[in-house]
Amino acid sequence: MNIFSRDRGHVEDSAGDSRDGVVHVQILVNRVNRNERELTVKVLERGREEFVFETSFLTSQSEMYTYHLARDIVKQYVEAEDLIIESEYTDAKLPTVKTVDKRMR
């Protein structure tokens, strides 16, 4: 054991790629006209850095319903392929709950 060796910061990863099987999900809901929405779903595997699942279609449902439909599609794919969702991005306008710190009398 040489404490003063030149390669003392070198660490070998024997466990493999820790991001294998971990995915990033992107759900985009674009309004085409008053009655139609275009849904685009992409699933990116972080270990290989490539898209493993892509789909795009038109629907006449609301934006929130379309988003939840896409989530169901992604959940089915992830469970079938035994993957883990690390992060998710969406541009859909979803309802939020905001708490107020103001004290009421």
N, C-alpha and C. Protein backbone atom coordinates (compact mmCIF):
# COMPACT_ATOMS: atom_id res chain seq x y z
N MET A 1 0.84 -1.16 0.00
CA MET A 1 0.00 0.00 0.00
C MET A 1 0.90 1.24 0.00
N ASN A 2 0.90 1.93 -1.12
CA ASN A 2 1.71 3.13 -1.26
C ASN A 2 0.80 4.35 -1.11
N ILE A 3 0.99 5.10 -0.07
CA ILE A 3 0.13 6.25 0.20
C ILE A 3 0.42 7.39 -0.76
N PHE A 4 1.67 7.53 -1.19
CA PHE A 4 2.06 8.65 -2.03
C PHE A 4 2.14 8.29 -3.51
N SER A 5 1.35 7.36 -3.98
CA SER A 5 1.40 6.97 -5.40
C SER A 5 0.69 8.01 -6.26
N ARG A 6 0.97 7.99 -7.54
CA ARG A 6 0.41 8.99 -8.45
C ARG A 6 -1.07 8.74 -8.78
N ASP A 7 -1.53 7.54 -8.71
CA ASP A 7 -2.91 7.23 -9.09
C ASP A 7 -3.81 7.02 -7.88
N ARG A 8 -3.57 7.78 -6.83
CA ARG A 8 -4.32 7.53 -5.60
C ARG A 8 -5.77 7.99 -5.67
N GLY A 9 -6.20 8.79 -6.63
CA GLY A 9 -7.58 9.21 -6.74
C GLY A 9 -8.40 8.32 -7.65
N HIS A 10 -7.80 7.27 -8.18
CA HIS A 10 -8.46 6.40 -9.15
C HIS A 10 -9.34 5.37 -8.43
N VAL A 11 -10.62 5.34 -8.76
CA VAL A 11 -11.55 4.38 -8.18
C VAL A 11 -12.21 3.63 -9.32
N GLU A 12 -12.22 2.30 -9.24
CA GLU A 12 -12.86 1.48 -10.27
C GLU A 12 -14.26 1.12 -9.82
N ASP A 13 -15.21 1.24 -10.74
CA ASP A 13 -16.60 0.93 -10.44
C ASP A 13 -16.86 -0.52 -10.83
N SER A 14 -16.93 -1.38 -9.85
CA SER A 14 -17.14 -2.79 -10.13
C SER A 14 -18.63 -3.16 -10.10
N ALA A 15 -19.46 -2.27 -9.64
CA ALA A 15 -20.89 -2.55 -9.54
C ALA A 15 -21.62 -2.35 -10.86
N GLY A 16 -21.00 -1.78 -11.87
CA GLY A 16 -21.66 -1.53 -13.15
C GLY A 16 -22.27 -0.15 -13.19
N ASP A 17 -23.05 0.11 -14.22
CA ASP A 17 -23.67 1.42 -14.38
C ASP A 17 -24.86 1.53 -13.43
N SER A 18 -24.84 2.51 -12.56
CA SER A 18 -25.91 2.67 -11.57
C SER A 18 -27.17 3.24 -12.20
N ARG A 19 -27.09 3.76 -13.42
CA ARG A 19 -28.25 4.35 -14.08
C ARG A 19 -28.91 3.39 -15.06
N ASP A 20 -28.53 2.14 -15.03
CA ASP A 20 -29.12 1.15 -15.91
C ASP A 20 -30.54 0.83 -15.45
N GLY A 21 -31.51 0.95 -16.33
CA GLY A 21 -32.89 0.68 -15.99
C GLY A 21 -33.63 1.88 -15.43
N VAL A 22 -32.98 3.03 -15.35
CA VAL A 22 -33.59 4.25 -14.83
C VAL A 22 -33.97 5.12 -16.02
N VAL A 23 -35.20 5.66 -16.02
CA VAL A 23 -35.69 6.41 -17.17
C VAL A 23 -36.16 7.80 -16.78
N HIS A 24 -36.16 8.68 -17.77
CA HIS A 24 -36.72 10.03 -17.66
C HIS A 24 -37.92 10.08 -18.60
N VAL A 25 -39.05 10.57 -18.12
CA VAL A 25 -40.30 10.60 -18.89
C VAL A 25 -40.61 12.05 -19.27
N GLN A 26 -40.95 12.25 -20.54
CA GLN A 26 -41.34 13.57 -21.04
C GLN A 26 -42.74 13.46 -21.64
N ILE A 27 -43.69 14.21 -21.10
CA ILE A 27 -45.08 14.22 -21.58
C ILE A 27 -45.41 15.63 -22.04
N LEU A 28 -45.68 15.78 -23.33
CA LEU A 28 -46.01 17.09 -23.90
C LEU A 28 -47.44 17.05 -24.43
N VAL A 29 -48.25 18.02 -24.01
CA VAL A 29 -49.63 18.13 -24.47
C VAL A 29 -49.75 19.49 -25.16
N ASN A 30 -49.93 19.46 -26.47
CA ASN A 30 -50.04 20.70 -27.25
C ASN A 30 -51.46 20.85 -27.77
N ARG A 31 -52.00 22.05 -27.65
CA ARG A 31 -53.35 22.32 -28.13
C ARG A 31 -53.30 22.61 -29.62
N VAL A 32 -53.97 21.78 -30.43
CA VAL A 32 -54.00 21.97 -31.87
C VAL A 32 -55.05 22.99 -32.25
N ASN A 33 -56.26 22.77 -31.78
CA ASN A 33 -57.34 23.75 -31.96
C ASN A 33 -58.23 23.67 -30.73
N ARG A 34 -59.42 24.19 -30.84
CA ARG A 34 -60.29 24.27 -29.67
C ARG A 34 -60.67 22.89 -29.12
N ASN A 35 -60.78 21.90 -29.99
CA ASN A 35 -61.26 20.59 -29.56
C ASN A 35 -60.20 19.50 -29.54
N GLU A 36 -59.02 19.71 -30.07
CA GLU A 36 -58.03 18.65 -30.18
C GLU A 36 -56.74 18.99 -29.45
N ARG A 37 -56.13 17.95 -28.89
CA ARG A 37 -54.83 18.06 -28.24
C ARG A 37 -53.91 17.02 -28.88
N GLU A 38 -52.64 17.41 -29.07
CA GLU A 38 -51.65 16.47 -29.56
C GLU A 38 -50.80 16.02 -28.38
N LEU A 39 -50.74 14.72 -28.16
CA LEU A 39 -49.98 14.16 -27.05
C LEU A 39 -48.70 13.53 -27.58
N THR A 40 -47.57 13.88 -26.98
CA THR A 40 -46.28 13.30 -27.32
C THR A 40 -45.65 12.78 -26.04
N VAL A 41 -45.32 11.48 -26.04
CA VAL A 41 -44.70 10.84 -24.88
C VAL A 41 -43.36 10.27 -25.31
N LYS A 42 -42.32 10.58 -24.53
CA LYS A 42 -40.98 10.03 -24.78
C LYS A 42 -40.41 9.51 -23.47
N VAL A 43 -39.81 8.31 -23.55
CA VAL A 43 -39.16 7.71 -22.39
C VAL A 43 -37.69 7.53 -22.74
N LEU A 44 -36.81 8.19 -21.99
CA LEU A 44 -35.37 8.17 -22.22
C LEU A 44 -34.71 7.31 -21.16
N GLU A 45 -33.98 6.27 -21.61
CA GLU A 45 -33.24 5.46 -20.65
C GLU A 45 -31.92 6.15 -20.34
N ARG A 46 -31.65 6.38 -19.05
CA ARG A 46 -30.50 7.17 -18.64
C ARG A 46 -29.18 6.42 -18.84
N GLY A 47 -29.18 5.11 -18.72
CA GLY A 47 -27.94 4.35 -18.87
C GLY A 47 -27.40 4.37 -20.29
N ARG A 48 -28.29 4.19 -21.27
CA ARG A 48 -27.87 4.16 -22.67
C ARG A 48 -28.00 5.52 -23.34
N GLU A 49 -28.72 6.47 -22.71
CA GLU A 49 -28.95 7.80 -23.27
C GLU A 49 -29.63 7.74 -24.64
N GLU A 50 -30.67 6.91 -24.74
CA GLU A 50 -31.47 6.86 -25.97
C GLU A 50 -32.93 6.62 -25.62
N PHE A 51 -33.80 7.04 -26.53
CA PHE A 51 -35.23 6.89 -26.31
C PHE A 51 -35.61 5.43 -26.51
N VAL A 52 -36.29 4.85 -25.52
CA VAL A 52 -36.72 3.46 -25.60
C VAL A 52 -38.21 3.37 -25.93
N PHE A 53 -38.94 4.47 -25.78
CA PHE A 53 -40.37 4.47 -26.08
C PHE A 53 -40.78 5.87 -26.53
N GLU A 54 -41.47 5.95 -27.67
CA GLU A 54 -42.00 7.22 -28.17
C GLU A 54 -43.38 6.96 -28.76
N THR A 55 -44.29 7.88 -28.51
CA THR A 55 -45.61 7.81 -29.12
C THR A 55 -46.16 9.22 -29.26
N SER A 56 -47.03 9.39 -30.25
CA SER A 56 -47.66 10.68 -30.49
C SER A 56 -49.01 10.43 -31.15
N PHE A 57 -50.05 11.09 -30.64
CA PHE A 57 -51.37 10.96 -31.25
C PHE A 57 -52.25 12.15 -30.87
N LEU A 58 -53.37 12.28 -31.57
CA LEU A 58 -54.35 13.34 -31.32
C LEU A 58 -55.50 12.78 -30.50
N THR A 59 -56.05 13.62 -29.63
CA THR A 59 -57.21 13.24 -28.84
C THR A 59 -58.12 14.45 -28.67
N SER A 60 -59.38 14.18 -28.39
CA SER A 60 -60.34 15.26 -28.20
C SER A 60 -60.66 15.47 -26.72
N GLN A 61 -59.91 14.86 -25.84
CA GLN A 61 -60.13 14.99 -24.40
C GLN A 61 -59.49 16.27 -23.87
N SER A 62 -59.78 16.58 -22.61
CA SER A 62 -59.20 17.77 -21.99
C SER A 62 -57.70 17.58 -21.74
N GLU A 63 -57.04 18.67 -21.43
CA GLU A 63 -55.59 18.61 -21.23
C GLU A 63 -55.21 17.75 -20.01
N MET A 64 -55.96 17.89 -18.94
CA MET A 64 -55.66 17.11 -17.74
C MET A 64 -55.94 15.62 -17.96
N TYR A 65 -57.05 15.30 -18.62
CA TYR A 65 -57.38 13.90 -18.91
C TYR A 65 -56.32 13.30 -19.84
N THR A 66 -55.86 14.07 -20.82
CA THR A 66 -54.83 13.60 -21.75
C THR A 66 -53.53 13.32 -21.01
N TYR A 67 -53.17 14.19 -20.06
CA TYR A 67 -51.97 13.98 -19.26
C TYR A 67 -52.07 12.68 -18.46
N HIS A 68 -53.21 12.45 -17.81
CA HIS A 68 -53.37 11.23 -17.01
C HIS A 68 -53.42 9.99 -17.89
N LEU A 69 -53.94 10.11 -19.09
CA LEU A 69 -53.91 9.00 -20.04
C LEU A 69 -52.46 8.66 -20.40
N ALA A 70 -51.65 9.67 -20.62
CA ALA A 70 -50.23 9.46 -20.93
C ALA A 70 -49.51 8.82 -19.76
N ARG A 71 -49.83 9.25 -18.53
CA ARG A 71 -49.21 8.63 -17.34
C ARG A 71 -49.55 7.16 -17.25
N ASP A 72 -50.79 6.79 -17.58
CA ASP A 72 -51.18 5.38 -17.56
C ASP A 72 -50.41 4.58 -18.60
N ILE A 73 -50.22 5.15 -19.79
CA ILE A 73 -49.45 4.48 -20.85
C ILE A 73 -48.01 4.26 -20.39
N VAL A 74 -47.42 5.28 -19.79
CA VAL A 74 -46.03 5.18 -19.32
C VAL A 74 -45.92 4.15 -18.20
N LYS A 75 -46.87 4.15 -17.26
CA LYS A 75 -46.84 3.17 -16.17
C LYS A 75 -46.90 1.75 -16.69
N GLN A 76 -47.75 1.50 -17.69
CA GLN A 76 -47.85 0.16 -18.27
C GLN A 76 -46.53 -0.24 -18.91
N TYR A 77 -45.90 0.68 -19.64
CA TYR A 77 -44.63 0.37 -20.30
C TYR A 77 -43.52 0.12 -19.28
N VAL A 78 -43.44 0.98 -18.27
CA VAL A 78 -42.39 0.87 -17.26
C VAL A 78 -42.52 -0.44 -16.48
N GLU A 79 -43.74 -0.82 -16.13
CA GLU A 79 -43.93 -2.07 -15.40
C GLU A 79 -43.64 -3.28 -16.28
N ALA A 80 -43.99 -3.22 -17.56
CA ALA A 80 -43.73 -4.34 -18.47
C ALA A 80 -42.24 -4.54 -18.73
N GLU A 81 -41.48 -3.44 -18.79
CA GLU A 81 -40.04 -3.52 -19.08
C GLU A 81 -39.19 -3.52 -17.81
N ASP A 82 -39.82 -3.46 -16.64
CA ASP A 82 -39.12 -3.48 -15.34
C ASP A 82 -38.12 -2.33 -15.24
N LEU A 83 -38.62 -1.11 -15.43
CA LEU A 83 -37.80 0.10 -15.37
C LEU A 83 -38.20 0.93 -14.16
N ILE A 84 -37.40 1.94 -13.83
CA ILE A 84 -37.66 2.84 -12.71
C ILE A 84 -37.72 4.27 -13.23
N ILE A 85 -38.78 5.01 -12.89
CA ILE A 85 -38.91 6.40 -13.30
C ILE A 85 -38.11 7.27 -12.34
N GLU A 86 -37.08 7.94 -12.88
CA GLU A 86 -36.24 8.82 -12.06
C GLU A 86 -36.82 10.23 -12.02
N SER A 87 -37.23 10.74 -13.18
CA SER A 87 -37.77 12.10 -13.24
C SER A 87 -38.80 12.18 -14.35
N GLU A 88 -39.59 13.23 -14.27
CA GLU A 88 -40.67 13.41 -15.24
C GLU A 88 -40.80 14.90 -15.55
N TYR A 89 -41.07 15.20 -16.82
CA TYR A 89 -41.30 16.58 -17.25
C TYR A 89 -42.60 16.63 -18.04
N THR A 90 -43.39 17.66 -17.80
CA THR A 90 -44.60 17.87 -18.57
C THR A 90 -44.83 19.38 -18.74
N ASP A 91 -45.49 19.72 -19.85
CA ASP A 91 -45.86 21.12 -20.06
C ASP A 91 -47.36 21.31 -19.92
N ALA A 92 -48.06 20.28 -19.45
CA ALA A 92 -49.51 20.37 -19.27
C ALA A 92 -49.83 21.28 -18.09
N LYS A 93 -50.92 22.00 -18.21
CA LYS A 93 -51.37 22.87 -17.12
C LYS A 93 -52.20 22.04 -16.16
N LEU A 94 -51.61 21.74 -15.01
CA LEU A 94 -52.27 20.90 -14.02
C LEU A 94 -52.69 21.76 -12.82
N PRO A 95 -53.77 21.37 -12.15
CA PRO A 95 -54.19 22.14 -10.98
C PRO A 95 -53.19 21.95 -9.84
N THR A 96 -52.96 23.01 -9.08
CA THR A 96 -52.06 22.95 -7.93
C THR A 96 -52.79 23.41 -6.68
N VAL A 97 -52.33 22.92 -5.55
CA VAL A 97 -52.88 23.33 -4.26
C VAL A 97 -51.86 24.22 -3.60
N LYS A 98 -52.29 25.39 -3.19
CA LYS A 98 -51.39 26.35 -2.57
C LYS A 98 -51.88 26.63 -1.16
N THR A 99 -50.99 26.51 -0.19
CA THR A 99 -51.35 26.82 1.18
C THR A 99 -50.91 28.24 1.50
N VAL A 100 -51.65 28.89 2.33
CA VAL A 100 -51.37 30.26 2.70
C VAL A 100 -50.92 30.28 4.16
N ASP A 101 -49.85 31.01 4.42
CA ASP A 101 -49.31 31.09 5.78
C ASP A 101 -49.99 32.18 6.61
N LYS A 102 -50.89 32.91 6.01
CA LYS A 102 -51.55 33.99 6.73
C LYS A 102 -52.47 33.42 7.80
N ARG A 103 -52.39 34.00 8.96
CA ARG A 103 -53.23 33.56 10.07
C ARG A 103 -54.59 34.23 10.01
N MET A 104 -55.62 33.44 10.17
CA MET A 104 -56.99 33.98 10.17
C MET A 104 -57.50 34.05 11.60
N ARG A 105 -58.29 35.09 11.89
CA ARG A 105 -58.86 35.23 13.24
C ARG A 105 -60.26 34.74 13.28
